[in-house]
Amino acid sequence: MAYAASLGETLPCYFDTRRDEGIVAHPLFPVCVEWPVMLAMRRQLNQAFLTADENIRAVHATHDLIVHRAVRPGDTLTTRATITGIEQRKPGAFMTVRFGTTDSKGELVCETWEGVMYRNTEVVGAKHSIAEGPALPARNESKDAARKEISIPIAAGLAHIYTECARIWNPVHTDVAVAAAAGLPDIILHGTATLALAISRIAEIEAGNDPARVVRAAGRFAAMVLMPSEVKLRILSREGDGVFFEVLNAEGQPAIKNGFIGLRS
């Protein structure tokens, strides 16, 4: 409920505990259970071979969530992270990680394929991969005009609220001194917060305001979102049960590129 509230949600499915079918979590809520596992993995990497300076330069670059079923109160969830690939790219070392979250029966609830860029960090050796996530559908590039554009206000305190409600603590989002030390102009909004806001609007417009129909959410995080500001969600096209989108920050730069939402019919 706190996670949904941080996004400004008001749908009964997130809050009305009197519902016969119970409440459900927001489609992007899995980031909340994945974050502690990510931190534990980073500590292991730091102890094994990354310097503290290299570790702090990690940037969440890509996100691809596949939802097998909604998270519900009472679930006992276990999340495991597997490093699936590492390669050298121009900005630095690019690592891919798969998070698999299962319930008490061992059944898969959701999985996330995440890309992490360690800026200005060198990979020793050739590219190595043990698994790749499922490919995203290709968009019909002939459709130039956006299907719809929606402005989304970003409040001055959203990063602090999202941090506490998601329990995702990274000081570049809340501490201006840390952000400055990392070379940022100010604290920045979490990429997953921007993605979650986009998911909510797309579910409203393209899925009859039924977030349970969201089965996949993917995108590449690019430009920064500062606060307070306003971002623009551009729904580029609807192709079958897939919605292609992008999110532009206040400067018109792409905060989320190559966005895709998969919907259950």
C-alpha atoms as a PDB file:
ATOM      1  CA  MET A   1       0.000   0.000   0.000  1.00  0.00           C
ATOM      2  CA  ALA A   2       2.835   2.389   0.830  1.00  0.00           C
ATOM      3  CA  TYR A   3       4.496   1.734  -2.530  1.00  0.00           C
ATOM      4  CA  ALA A   4       1.265   2.441  -4.412  1.00  0.00           C
ATOM      5  CA  ALA A   5       0.653   5.571  -2.324  1.00  0.00           C
ATOM      6  CA  SER A   6       4.117   6.940  -3.152  1.00  0.00           C
ATOM      7  CA  LEU A   7       3.070   6.903  -6.815  1.00  0.00           C
ATOM      8  CA  GLY A   8      -0.159   8.794  -6.117  1.00  0.00           C
ATOM      9  CA  GLU A   9      -2.310   5.725  -6.741  1.00  0.00           C
ATOM     10  CA  THR A  10      -5.908   5.634  -5.547  1.00  0.00           C
ATOM     11  CA  LEU A  11      -7.234   2.416  -7.121  1.00  0.00           C
ATOM     12  CA  PRO A  12      -9.167   0.204  -4.660  1.00  0.00           C
ATOM     13  CA  CYS A  13      -7.187  -2.867  -5.768  1.00  0.00           C
ATOM     14  CA  TYR A  14      -4.155  -1.404  -3.961  1.00  0.00           C
ATOM     15  CA  PHE A  15      -5.865  -0.253  -0.749  1.00  0.00           C
ATOM     16  CA  ASP A  16      -9.339  -1.698  -0.119  1.00  0.00           C
ATOM     17  CA  THR A  17      -8.688  -4.619   2.223  1.00  0.00           C
ATOM     18  CA  ARG A  18     -12.428  -5.376   2.261  1.00  0.00           C
ATOM     19  CA  ARG A  19     -12.307  -6.688  -1.293  1.00  0.00           C
ATOM     20  CA  ASP A  20     -13.262 -10.358  -1.526  1.00  0.00           C
ATOM     21  CA  GLU A  21     -10.286 -11.014  -3.768  1.00  0.00           C
ATOM     22  CA  GLY A  22      -7.949  -8.967  -1.551  1.00  0.00           C
ATOM     23  CA  ILE A  23      -5.534  -6.254  -2.583  1.00  0.00           C
ATOM     24  CA  VAL A  24      -2.596  -6.641  -4.943  1.00  0.00           C
ATOM     25  CA  ALA A  25       0.754  -4.928  -5.288  1.00  0.00           C
ATOM     26  CA  HIS A  26       1.591  -2.435  -8.019  1.00  0.00           C
ATOM     27  CA  PRO A  27       3.132  -4.238 -11.028  1.00  0.00           C
ATOM     28  CA  LEU A  28       6.579  -2.759 -10.293  1.00  0.00           C
ATOM     29  CA  PHE A  29       6.486  -3.597  -6.566  1.00  0.00           C
ATOM     30  CA  PRO A  30       8.987  -6.479  -7.116  1.00  0.00           C
ATOM     31  CA  VAL A  31      11.777  -3.874  -7.134  1.00  0.00           C
ATOM     32  CA  CYS A  32      11.193  -3.617  -3.378  1.00  0.00           C
ATOM     33  CA  VAL A  33      12.086  -7.267  -2.723  1.00  0.00           C
ATOM     34  CA  GLU A  34      14.872  -7.271  -5.312  1.00  0.00           C
ATOM     35  CA  TRP A  35      16.749  -4.287  -3.852  1.00  0.00           C
ATOM     36  CA  PRO A  36      18.110  -5.998  -0.699  1.00  0.00           C
ATOM     37  CA  VAL A  37      19.355  -8.850  -2.887  1.00  0.00           C
ATOM     38  CA  MET A  38      21.053  -6.357  -5.206  1.00  0.00           C
ATOM     39  CA  LEU A  39      22.798  -4.746  -2.229  1.00  0.00           C
ATOM     40  CA  ALA A  40      23.987  -8.132  -0.955  1.00  0.00           C
ATOM     41  CA  MET A  41      25.323  -8.981  -4.412  1.00  0.00           C
ATOM     42  CA  ARG A  42      27.141  -5.649  -4.615  1.00  0.00           C
ATOM     43  CA  ARG A  43      28.802  -6.304  -1.257  1.00  0.00           C
ATOM     44  CA  GLN A  44      30.038  -9.656  -2.541  1.00  0.00           C
ATOM     45  CA  LEU A  45      31.369  -8.057  -5.723  1.00  0.00           C
ATOM     46  CA  ASN A  46      33.114  -5.382  -3.687  1.00  0.00           C
ATOM     47  CA  GLN A  47      34.760  -7.992  -1.482  1.00  0.00           C
ATOM     48  CA  ALA A  48      35.745 -10.125  -4.462  1.00  0.00           C
ATOM     49  CA  PHE A  49      37.218  -7.770  -7.041  1.00  0.00           C
ATOM     50  CA  LEU A  50      35.565  -4.338  -7.320  1.00  0.00           C
ATOM     51  CA  THR A  51      37.074  -1.343  -5.585  1.00  0.00           C
ATOM     52  CA  ALA A  52      34.792   0.799  -3.423  1.00  0.00           C
ATOM     53  CA  ASP A  53      35.116   3.580  -6.012  1.00  0.00           C
ATOM     54  CA  GLU A  54      34.094   1.263  -8.858  1.00  0.00           C
ATOM     55  CA  ASN A  55      31.190  -0.116  -6.853  1.00  0.00           C
ATOM     56  CA  ILE A  56      29.728   3.332  -6.176  1.00  0.00           C
ATOM     57  CA  ARG A  57      29.773   4.121  -9.912  1.00  0.00           C
ATOM     58  CA  ALA A  58      27.104   1.497 -10.623  1.00  0.00           C
ATOM     59  CA  VAL A  59      24.124   2.842 -12.583  1.00  0.00           C
ATOM     60  CA  HIS A  60      20.816   1.051 -13.172  1.00  0.00           C
ATOM     61  CA  ALA A  61      20.757   1.030 -16.976  1.00  0.00           C
ATOM     62  CA  THR A  62      18.022  -1.338 -18.163  1.00  0.00           C
ATOM     63  CA  HIS A  63      15.011  -3.062 -16.617  1.00  0.00           C
ATOM     64  CA  ASP A  64      12.809  -5.858 -17.957  1.00  0.00           C
ATOM     65  CA  LEU A  65      10.204  -7.237 -15.547  1.00  0.00           C
ATOM     66  CA  ILE A  66       8.063 -10.261 -16.365  1.00  0.00           C
ATOM     67  CA  VAL A  67       5.057 -10.678 -14.072  1.00  0.00           C
ATOM     68  CA  HIS A  68       3.737 -14.226 -13.727  1.00  0.00           C
ATOM     69  CA  ARG A  69       1.215 -13.208 -11.097  1.00  0.00           C
ATOM     70  CA  ALA A  70       0.594 -10.210  -8.859  1.00  0.00           C
ATOM     71  CA  VAL A  71       2.217 -10.053  -5.430  1.00  0.00           C
ATOM     72  CA  ARG A  72      -0.394 -10.312  -2.658  1.00  0.00           C
ATOM     73  CA  PRO A  73      -0.357  -9.779   1.118  1.00  0.00           C
ATOM     74  CA  GLY A  74       0.561 -13.012   2.893  1.00  0.00           C
ATOM     75  CA  ASP A  75       3.020 -14.118   0.214  1.00  0.00           C
ATOM     76  CA  THR A  76       6.346 -15.484   1.396  1.00  0.00           C
ATOM     77  CA  LEU A  77       8.758 -14.497  -1.342  1.00  0.00           C
ATOM     78  CA  THR A  78      12.297 -15.638  -2.006  1.00  0.00           C
ATOM     79  CA  THR A  79      14.423 -13.668  -4.455  1.00  0.00           C
ATOM     80  CA  ARG A  80      17.650 -14.993  -5.957  1.00  0.00           C
ATOM     81  CA  ALA A  81      20.054 -13.002  -8.109  1.00  0.00           C
ATOM     82  CA  THR A  82      22.250 -14.545 -10.794  1.00  0.00           C
ATOM     83  CA  ILE A  83      24.881 -12.604 -12.714  1.00  0.00           C
ATOM     84  CA  THR A  84      24.189 -13.673 -16.285  1.00  0.00           C
ATOM     85  CA  GLY A  85      26.661 -11.623 -18.294  1.00  0.00           C
ATOM     86  CA  ILE A  86      29.535  -9.154 -18.267  1.00  0.00           C
ATOM     87  CA  GLU A  87      31.028  -7.173 -21.132  1.00  0.00           C
ATOM     88  CA  GLN A  88      32.991  -4.043 -21.920  1.00  0.00           C
ATOM     89  CA  ARG A  89      31.011  -1.159 -23.361  1.00  0.00           C
ATOM     90  CA  LYS A  90      32.127   2.361 -24.152  1.00  0.00           C
ATOM     91  CA  PRO A  91      30.867   3.912 -20.867  1.00  0.00           C
ATOM     92  CA  GLY A  92      32.302   1.075 -18.754  1.00  0.00           C
ATOM     93  CA  ALA A  93      31.601  -2.458 -17.568  1.00  0.00           C
ATOM     94  CA  PHE A  94      28.077  -3.681 -18.332  1.00  0.00           C
ATOM     95  CA  MET A  95      26.659  -6.452 -16.152  1.00  0.00           C
ATOM     96  CA  THR A  96      23.345  -8.272 -16.593  1.00  0.00           C
ATOM     97  CA  VAL A  97      21.543  -9.840 -13.641  1.00  0.00           C
ATOM     98  CA  ARG A  98      18.462 -12.027 -13.433  1.00  0.00           C
ATOM     99  CA  PHE A  99      16.301 -11.755 -10.316  1.00  0.00           C
ATOM    100  CA  GLY A 100      13.926 -14.678  -9.837  1.00  0.00           C
ATOM    101  CA  THR A 101      11.237 -14.355  -7.155  1.00  0.00           C
ATOM    102  CA  THR A 102       9.315 -17.452  -6.071  1.00  0.00           C
ATOM    103  CA  ASP A 103       6.537 -18.081  -3.558  1.00  0.00           C
ATOM    104  CA  SER A 104       6.384 -20.597  -0.693  1.00  0.00           C
ATOM    105  CA  LYS A 105       5.495 -23.355  -3.183  1.00  0.00           C
ATOM    106  CA  GLY A 106       8.567 -22.587  -5.260  1.00  0.00           C
ATOM    107  CA  GLU A 107       6.445 -21.203  -8.098  1.00  0.00           C
ATOM    108  CA  LEU A 108       7.780 -18.243 -10.033  1.00  0.00           C
ATOM    109  CA  VAL A 109       5.971 -14.997  -9.206  1.00  0.00           C
ATOM    110  CA  CYS A 110       8.118 -12.643 -11.277  1.00  0.00           C
ATOM    111  CA  GLU A 111      11.534 -12.303 -12.832  1.00  0.00           C
ATOM    112  CA  THR A 112      13.576  -9.254 -13.730  1.00  0.00           C
ATOM    113  CA  TRP A 113      16.432  -8.984 -16.190  1.00  0.00           C
ATOM    114  CA  GLU A 114      18.427  -5.933 -15.154  1.00  0.00           C
ATOM    115  CA  GLY A 115      21.388  -4.201 -16.735  1.00  0.00           C
ATOM    116  CA  VAL A 116      23.922  -2.398 -14.532  1.00  0.00           C
ATOM    117  CA  MET A 117      26.611  -0.103 -15.914  1.00  0.00           C
ATOM    118  CA  TYR A 118      29.785   0.433 -13.888  1.00  0.00           C
ATOM    119  CA  ARG A 119      30.943   3.712 -15.387  1.00  0.00           C
ATOM    120  CA  ASN A 120      34.634   4.113 -16.226  1.00  0.00           C
ATOM    121  CA  THR A 121      35.364   0.556 -15.120  1.00  0.00           C
ATOM    122  CA  GLU A 122      37.413  -1.898 -17.178  1.00  0.00           C
ATOM    123  CA  VAL A 123      36.503  -5.512 -17.885  1.00  0.00           C
ATOM    124  CA  VAL A 124      39.471  -7.871 -17.966  1.00  0.00           C
ATOM    125  CA  GLY A 125      38.867 -10.569 -20.545  1.00  0.00           C
ATOM    126  CA  ALA A 126      36.279 -11.205 -23.224  1.00  0.00           C
ATOM    127  CA  LYS A 127      32.506 -10.880 -23.042  1.00  0.00           C
ATOM    128  CA  HIS A 128      30.934 -13.695 -21.047  1.00  0.00           C
ATOM    129  CA  SER A 129      27.291 -14.715 -20.873  1.00  0.00           C
ATOM    130  CA  ILE A 130      25.480 -17.695 -19.377  1.00  0.00           C
ATOM    131  CA  ALA A 131      21.903 -16.628 -20.177  1.00  0.00           C
ATOM    132  CA  GLU A 132      19.949 -13.916 -21.948  1.00  0.00           C
ATOM    133  CA  GLY A 133      16.518 -12.583 -21.179  1.00  0.00           C
ATOM    134  CA  PRO A 134      13.619 -13.025 -23.586  1.00  0.00           C
ATOM    135  CA  ALA A 135      13.703 -10.703 -26.559  1.00  0.00           C
ATOM    136  CA  LEU A 136      11.339  -7.762 -26.679  1.00  0.00           C
ATOM    137  CA  PRO A 137       8.876  -7.473 -29.568  1.00  0.00           C
ATOM    138  CA  ALA A 138       9.968  -5.234 -32.421  1.00  0.00           C
ATOM    139  CA  ARG A 139       8.074  -1.993 -32.877  1.00  0.00           C
ATOM    140  CA  ASN A 140       6.647  -0.970 -36.222  1.00  0.00           C
ATOM    141  CA  GLU A 141       8.882   2.049 -36.820  1.00  0.00           C
ATOM    142  CA  SER A 142       6.630   3.328 -39.609  1.00  0.00           C
ATOM    143  CA  LYS A 143       4.258   4.689 -36.967  1.00  0.00           C
ATOM    144  CA  ASP A 144       5.814   8.111 -36.400  1.00  0.00           C
ATOM    145  CA  ALA A 145       3.122  10.033 -34.512  1.00  0.00           C
ATOM    146  CA  ALA A 146       2.634   9.268 -30.832  1.00  0.00           C
ATOM    147  CA  ARG A 147      -0.656   7.592 -29.938  1.00  0.00           C
ATOM    148  CA  LYS A 148      -0.988   9.812 -26.874  1.00  0.00           C
ATOM    149  CA  GLU A 149       1.090  12.206 -24.746  1.00  0.00           C
ATOM    150  CA  ILE A 150       0.535  12.664 -21.013  1.00  0.00           C
ATOM    151  CA  SER A 151       2.281  15.115 -18.680  1.00  0.00           C
ATOM    152  CA  ILE A 152       3.195  13.716 -15.274  1.00  0.00           C
ATOM    153  CA  PRO A 153       4.157  16.155 -12.483  1.00  0.00           C
ATOM    154  CA  ILE A 154       7.175  15.215 -10.367  1.00  0.00           C
ATOM    155  CA  ALA A 155       6.915  16.713  -6.880  1.00  0.00           C
ATOM    156  CA  ALA A 156       9.924  18.199  -5.110  1.00  0.00           C
ATOM    157  CA  GLY A 157       9.903  15.500  -2.432  1.00  0.00           C
ATOM    158  CA  LEU A 158       9.052  12.486  -4.574  1.00  0.00           C
ATOM    159  CA  ALA A 159      12.513  10.879  -4.355  1.00  0.00           C
ATOM    160  CA  HIS A 160      12.410  10.977  -0.541  1.00  0.00           C
ATOM    161  CA  ILE A 161       8.864   9.614  -0.431  1.00  0.00           C
ATOM    162  CA  TYR A 162       9.658   6.863  -2.938  1.00  0.00           C
ATOM    163  CA  THR A 163      12.841   5.971  -1.047  1.00  0.00           C
ATOM    164  CA  GLU A 164      10.958   5.407   2.203  1.00  0.00           C
ATOM    165  CA  CYS A 165       7.905   3.689   0.708  1.00  0.00           C
ATOM    166  CA  ALA A 166       9.909   1.385  -1.561  1.00  0.00           C
ATOM    167  CA  ARG A 167      12.666   0.942   1.047  1.00  0.00           C
ATOM    168  CA  ILE A 168      15.204   1.576  -1.698  1.00  0.00           C
ATOM    169  CA  TRP A 169      17.915   3.662  -0.058  1.00  0.00           C
ATOM    170  CA  ASN A 170      20.529   5.115  -2.404  1.00  0.00           C
ATOM    171  CA  PRO A 171      21.806   8.535  -1.296  1.00  0.00           C
ATOM    172  CA  VAL A 172      22.137   9.947  -4.830  1.00  0.00           C
ATOM    173  CA  HIS A 173      18.337  10.186  -4.682  1.00  0.00           C
ATOM    174  CA  THR A 174      18.078  11.947  -1.328  1.00  0.00           C
ATOM    175  CA  ASP A 175      21.401  13.526  -0.295  1.00  0.00           C
ATOM    176  CA  VAL A 176      22.527  16.472  -2.406  1.00  0.00           C
ATOM    177  CA  ALA A 177      26.125  16.247  -1.144  1.00  0.00           C
ATOM    178  CA  VAL A 178      26.405  12.622  -2.243  1.00  0.00           C
ATOM    179  CA  ALA A 179      24.793  13.453  -5.580  1.00  0.00           C
ATOM    180  CA  ALA A 180      27.292  16.269  -6.129  1.00  0.00           C
ATOM    181  CA  ALA A 181      30.190  13.963  -5.253  1.00  0.00           C
ATOM    182  CA  ALA A 182      28.911  11.575  -7.929  1.00  0.00           C
ATOM    183  CA  GLY A 183      28.990  14.376 -10.491  1.00  0.00           C
ATOM    184  CA  LEU A 184      25.240  14.996 -10.568  1.00  0.00           C
ATOM    185  CA  PRO A 185      23.693  18.478 -10.643  1.00  0.00           C
ATOM    186  CA  ASP A 186      21.255  17.573  -7.846  1.00  0.00           C
ATOM    187  CA  ILE A 187      19.486  14.555  -6.407  1.00  0.00           C
ATOM    188  CA  ILE A 188      17.692  12.586  -9.114  1.00  0.00           C
ATOM    189  CA  LEU A 189      14.533  10.505  -9.178  1.00  0.00           C
ATOM    190  CA  HIS A 190      14.880   6.722  -9.173  1.00  0.00           C
ATOM    191  CA  GLY A 191      14.555   5.226 -12.632  1.00  0.00           C
ATOM    192  CA  THR A 192      12.121   2.672 -11.253  1.00  0.00           C
ATOM    193  CA  ALA A 193       9.913   5.479  -9.916  1.00  0.00           C
ATOM    194  CA  THR A 194       9.718   7.012 -13.389  1.00  0.00           C
ATOM    195  CA  LEU A 195       8.958   3.588 -14.859  1.00  0.00           C
ATOM    196  CA  ALA A 196       6.291   2.874 -12.236  1.00  0.00           C
ATOM    197  CA  LEU A 197       4.549   6.175 -12.969  1.00  0.00           C
ATOM    198  CA  ALA A 198       4.540   5.315 -16.679  1.00  0.00           C
ATOM    199  CA  ILE A 199       3.128   1.843 -15.985  1.00  0.00           C
ATOM    200  CA  SER A 200       0.267   3.348 -13.979  1.00  0.00           C
ATOM    201  CA  ARG A 201      -0.730   5.740 -16.753  1.00  0.00           C
ATOM    202  CA  ILE A 202      -0.444   3.113 -19.475  1.00  0.00           C
ATOM    203  CA  ALA A 203      -2.550   0.645 -17.475  1.00  0.00           C
ATOM    204  CA  GLU A 204      -5.165   3.380 -17.072  1.00  0.00           C
ATOM    205  CA  ILE A 205      -5.266   4.268 -20.755  1.00  0.00           C
ATOM    206  CA  GLU A 206      -4.549   0.976 -22.499  1.00  0.00           C
ATOM    207  CA  ALA A 207      -5.739  -1.681 -20.020  1.00  0.00           C
ATOM    208  CA  GLY A 208      -9.013  -0.363 -18.671  1.00  0.00           C
ATOM    209  CA  ASN A 209      -7.301   0.870 -15.492  1.00  0.00           C
ATOM    210  CA  ASP A 210      -6.627  -2.758 -14.524  1.00  0.00           C
ATOM    211  CA  PRO A 211      -2.983  -3.100 -13.408  1.00  0.00           C
ATOM    212  CA  ALA A 212      -3.422  -6.884 -13.078  1.00  0.00           C
ATOM    213  CA  ARG A 213      -3.290  -6.992 -16.876  1.00  0.00           C
ATOM    214  CA  VAL A 214       0.345  -5.824 -16.902  1.00  0.00           C
ATOM    215  CA  VAL A 215       2.543  -8.866 -17.541  1.00  0.00           C
ATOM    216  CA  ARG A 216       5.752  -7.172 -18.664  1.00  0.00           C
ATOM    217  CA  ALA A 217       7.427  -3.792 -18.238  1.00  0.00           C
ATOM    218  CA  ALA A 218      10.739  -2.892 -19.813  1.00  0.00           C
ATOM    219  CA  GLY A 219      12.839   0.123 -20.666  1.00  0.00           C
ATOM    220  CA  ARG A 220      16.280   1.653 -20.788  1.00  0.00           C
ATOM    221  CA  PHE A 221      17.055   4.406 -18.276  1.00  0.00           C
ATOM    222  CA  ALA A 222      18.822   7.355 -19.855  1.00  0.00           C
ATOM    223  CA  ALA A 223      18.462  11.056 -18.995  1.00  0.00           C
ATOM    224  CA  MET A 224      18.056  12.278 -15.402  1.00  0.00           C
ATOM    225  CA  VAL A 225      14.758  13.382 -13.873  1.00  0.00           C
ATOM    226  CA  LEU A 226      15.215  16.303 -11.467  1.00  0.00           C
ATOM    227  CA  MET A 227      12.714  17.596  -8.917  1.00  0.00           C
ATOM    228  CA  PRO A 228      10.408  19.430  -8.998  1.00  0.00           C
ATOM    229  CA  SER A 229       9.728  19.020 -12.690  1.00  0.00           C
ATOM    230  CA  GLU A 230       7.370  17.478 -15.184  1.00  0.00           C
ATOM    231  CA  VAL A 231       7.954  14.494 -17.435  1.00  0.00           C
ATOM    232  CA  LYS A 232       6.065  13.588 -20.586  1.00  0.00           C
ATOM    233  CA  LEU A 233       4.900  10.043 -21.238  1.00  0.00           C
ATOM    234  CA  ARG A 234       4.631   9.409 -24.977  1.00  0.00           C
ATOM    235  CA  ILE A 235       2.650   6.299 -25.861  1.00  0.00           C
ATOM    236  CA  LEU A 236       4.135   5.602 -29.263  1.00  0.00           C
ATOM    237  CA  SER A 237       1.995   2.720 -30.482  1.00  0.00           C
ATOM    238  CA  ARG A 238      -0.243  -0.166 -29.477  1.00  0.00           C
ATOM    239  CA  GLU A 239       0.528  -3.364 -31.332  1.00  0.00           C
ATOM    240  CA  GLY A 240      -1.605  -6.302 -30.254  1.00  0.00           C
ATOM    241  CA  ASP A 241      -1.132  -6.718 -26.506  1.00  0.00           C
ATOM    242  CA  GLY A 242       2.021  -4.612 -26.486  1.00  0.00           C
ATOM    243  CA  VAL A 243       2.403  -0.883 -25.830  1.00  0.00           C
ATOM    244  CA  PHE A 244       5.563   0.953 -26.887  1.00  0.00           C
ATOM    245  CA  PHE A 245       6.432   4.169 -25.080  1.00  0.00           C
ATOM    246  CA  GLU A 246       9.091   6.632 -23.988  1.00  0.00           C
ATOM    247  CA  VAL A 247       9.352   9.159 -21.164  1.00  0.00           C
ATOM    248  CA  LEU A 248      10.944  12.578 -21.714  1.00  0.00           C
ATOM    249  CA  ASN A 249      12.291  14.698 -18.873  1.00  0.00           C
ATOM    250  CA  ALA A 250      11.629  18.425 -18.493  1.00  0.00           C
ATOM    251  CA  GLU A 251      14.473  19.204 -20.919  1.00  0.00           C
ATOM    252  CA  GLY A 252      12.936  16.948 -23.573  1.00  0.00           C
ATOM    253  CA  GLN A 253      15.605  14.286 -23.146  1.00  0.00           C
ATOM    254  CA  PRO A 254      14.628  10.591 -22.998  1.00  0.00           C
ATOM    255  CA  ALA A 255      14.494   9.494 -19.352  1.00  0.00           C
ATOM    256  CA  ILE A 256      13.216   6.092 -20.517  1.00  0.00           C
ATOM    257  CA  LYS A 257      14.030   4.779 -23.980  1.00  0.00           C
ATOM    258  CA  ASN A 258      12.705   1.686 -25.752  1.00  0.00           C
ATOM    259  CA  GLY A 259       9.829   1.352 -23.307  1.00  0.00           C
ATOM    260  CA  PHE A 260       7.490  -1.640 -23.611  1.00  0.00           C
ATOM    261  CA  ILE A 261       4.461  -2.771 -21.622  1.00  0.00           C
ATOM    262  CA  GLY A 262       2.987  -6.215 -22.236  1.00  0.00           C
ATOM    263  CA  LEU A 263      -0.688  -6.698 -21.379  1.00  0.00           C
ATOM    264  CA  ARG A 264      -2.815  -9.717 -20.644  1.00  0.00           C
ATOM    265  CA  SER A 265      -5.818  -9.862 -22.974  1.00  0.00           C
END
